[in-house]
Amino acid sequence: MKTSLEIPDDLYRQAEARAARERREINDLVSDGLRLVLGAGKWEASRTSALAALEKVRRHPPYPPGRVQIMIEEANRLRKESWE
């Protein structure tokens, strides 16, 4: 489908540069961005599930302590990221 969009100049320049670096069309870059935004709800649900599972493992570790520590560090890293 063809459409027209108003995009701030600085954002368009960044998109244009990125598309050029990746040897892609801006249309493809915009489509990928929309897919990410529209799928964000699913991603957030997955992230929430992953964090809950890691927290459960932290409380009741079924793994050797060294493995649990790695999982705890990963959970902490995920909490610190903005995921935006």
C-alpha atoms as a PDB file:
ATOM      1  CA  MET A   1       0.000   0.000   0.000  1.00  0.00           C
ATOM      2  CA  LYS A   2       1.240   3.486  -0.759  1.00  0.00           C
ATOM      3  CA  THR A   3       0.845   6.255   1.759  1.00  0.00           C
ATOM      4  CA  SER A   4       2.359   9.588   2.721  1.00  0.00           C
ATOM      5  CA  LEU A   5       3.871  10.259   6.112  1.00  0.00           C
ATOM      6  CA  GLU A   6       5.213  13.347   7.812  1.00  0.00           C
ATOM      7  CA  ILE A   7       8.482  12.509   9.528  1.00  0.00           C
ATOM      8  CA  PRO A   8      10.688  15.011  11.360  1.00  0.00           C
ATOM      9  CA  ASP A   9      13.701  15.972   9.240  1.00  0.00           C
ATOM     10  CA  ASP A  10      16.291  14.713  11.710  1.00  0.00           C
ATOM     11  CA  LEU A  11      14.546  11.353  12.057  1.00  0.00           C
ATOM     12  CA  TYR A  12      14.307  10.979   8.288  1.00  0.00           C
ATOM     13  CA  ARG A  13      18.018  11.749   7.892  1.00  0.00           C
ATOM     14  CA  GLN A  14      18.863   9.106  10.478  1.00  0.00           C
ATOM     15  CA  ALA A  15      16.613   6.578   8.724  1.00  0.00           C
ATOM     16  CA  GLU A  16      18.107   7.459   5.352  1.00  0.00           C
ATOM     17  CA  ALA A  17      21.645   6.977   6.680  1.00  0.00           C
ATOM     18  CA  ARG A  18      20.724   3.665   8.326  1.00  0.00           C
ATOM     19  CA  ALA A  19      19.048   2.376   5.189  1.00  0.00           C
ATOM     20  CA  ALA A  20      22.105   3.321   3.145  1.00  0.00           C
ATOM     21  CA  ARG A  21      24.470   1.585   5.585  1.00  0.00           C
ATOM     22  CA  GLU A  22      22.347  -1.560   5.458  1.00  0.00           C
ATOM     23  CA  ARG A  23      21.801  -1.254   1.682  1.00  0.00           C
ATOM     24  CA  ARG A  24      18.047  -1.280   2.172  1.00  0.00           C
ATOM     25  CA  GLU A  25      15.136   0.863   1.110  1.00  0.00           C
ATOM     26  CA  ILE A  26      13.627   3.276   3.617  1.00  0.00           C
ATOM     27  CA  ASN A  27      10.265   1.585   2.995  1.00  0.00           C
ATOM     28  CA  ASP A  28      11.698  -1.650   4.403  1.00  0.00           C
ATOM     29  CA  LEU A  29      13.126   0.156   7.416  1.00  0.00           C
ATOM     30  CA  VAL A  30       9.764   1.795   8.176  1.00  0.00           C
ATOM     31  CA  SER A  31       7.930  -1.522   7.745  1.00  0.00           C
ATOM     32  CA  ASP A  32      10.335  -3.231  10.147  1.00  0.00           C
ATOM     33  CA  GLY A  33       9.826  -0.425  12.664  1.00  0.00           C
ATOM     34  CA  LEU A  34       6.055  -0.769  12.475  1.00  0.00           C
ATOM     35  CA  ARG A  35       6.315  -4.525  12.960  1.00  0.00           C
ATOM     36  CA  LEU A  36       8.398  -3.951  16.088  1.00  0.00           C
ATOM     37  CA  VAL A  37       5.970  -1.412  17.520  1.00  0.00           C
ATOM     38  CA  LEU A  38       2.875  -3.455  16.729  1.00  0.00           C
ATOM     39  CA  GLY A  39       4.446  -6.600  18.175  1.00  0.00           C
ATOM     40  CA  ALA A  40       5.638  -4.812  21.324  1.00  0.00           C
ATOM     41  CA  GLY A  41       2.746  -6.160  23.413  1.00  0.00           C
ATOM     42  CA  LYS A  42       3.773  -9.721  22.634  1.00  0.00           C
ATOM     43  CA  TRP A  43       7.403  -8.902  23.441  1.00  0.00           C
ATOM     44  CA  GLU A  44       6.455  -7.353  26.774  1.00  0.00           C
ATOM     45  CA  ALA A  45       4.428 -10.445  27.682  1.00  0.00           C
ATOM     46  CA  SER A  46       7.414 -12.646  26.827  1.00  0.00           C
ATOM     47  CA  ARG A  47       9.724 -10.439  28.885  1.00  0.00           C
ATOM     48  CA  THR A  48       7.346 -10.551  31.854  1.00  0.00           C
ATOM     49  CA  SER A  49       7.120 -14.336  31.634  1.00  0.00           C
ATOM     50  CA  ALA A  50      10.891 -14.663  31.409  1.00  0.00           C
ATOM     51  CA  LEU A  51      11.428 -12.428  34.436  1.00  0.00           C
ATOM     52  CA  ALA A  52       8.816 -14.359  36.444  1.00  0.00           C
ATOM     53  CA  ALA A  53      10.471 -17.672  35.565  1.00  0.00           C
ATOM     54  CA  LEU A  54      13.898 -16.358  36.520  1.00  0.00           C
ATOM     55  CA  GLU A  55      12.546 -15.041  39.819  1.00  0.00           C
ATOM     56  CA  LYS A  56      11.003 -18.442  40.583  1.00  0.00           C
ATOM     57  CA  VAL A  57      14.339 -20.126  39.907  1.00  0.00           C
ATOM     58  CA  ARG A  58      16.057 -17.628  42.188  1.00  0.00           C
ATOM     59  CA  ARG A  59      13.733 -18.530  45.062  1.00  0.00           C
ATOM     60  CA  HIS A  60      13.752 -22.301  44.510  1.00  0.00           C
ATOM     61  CA  PRO A  61      16.852 -23.214  42.548  1.00  0.00           C
ATOM     62  CA  PRO A  62      16.670 -26.559  40.744  1.00  0.00           C
ATOM     63  CA  TYR A  63      20.160 -25.948  39.372  1.00  0.00           C
ATOM     64  CA  PRO A  64      23.677 -25.871  40.798  1.00  0.00           C
ATOM     65  CA  PRO A  65      24.429 -22.561  42.583  1.00  0.00           C
ATOM     66  CA  GLY A  66      26.839 -21.360  39.864  1.00  0.00           C
ATOM     67  CA  ARG A  67      24.146 -21.721  37.194  1.00  0.00           C
ATOM     68  CA  VAL A  68      21.601 -19.949  39.370  1.00  0.00           C
ATOM     69  CA  GLN A  69      23.977 -17.010  39.815  1.00  0.00           C
ATOM     70  CA  ILE A  70      24.280 -16.669  36.041  1.00  0.00           C
ATOM     71  CA  MET A  71      20.474 -16.650  35.729  1.00  0.00           C
ATOM     72  CA  ILE A  72      20.150 -14.061  38.507  1.00  0.00           C
ATOM     73  CA  GLU A  73      22.664 -11.815  36.773  1.00  0.00           C
ATOM     74  CA  GLU A  74      20.718 -12.163  33.520  1.00  0.00           C
ATOM     75  CA  ALA A  75      17.459 -11.277  35.296  1.00  0.00           C
ATOM     76  CA  ASN A  76      19.082  -8.197  36.815  1.00  0.00           C
ATOM     77  CA  ARG A  77      20.433  -7.172  33.416  1.00  0.00           C
ATOM     78  CA  LEU A  78      16.955  -7.515  31.881  1.00  0.00           C
ATOM     79  CA  ARG A  79      15.423  -5.392  34.657  1.00  0.00           C
ATOM     80  CA  LYS A  80      17.937  -2.601  34.039  1.00  0.00           C
ATOM     81  CA  GLU A  81      17.272  -2.394  30.297  1.00  0.00           C
ATOM     82  CA  SER A  82      14.586  -0.033  29.146  1.00  0.00           C
ATOM     83  CA  TRP A  83      13.190  -2.515  26.558  1.00  0.00           C
ATOM     84  CA  GLU A  84      11.925   0.375  24.458  1.00  0.00           C
END
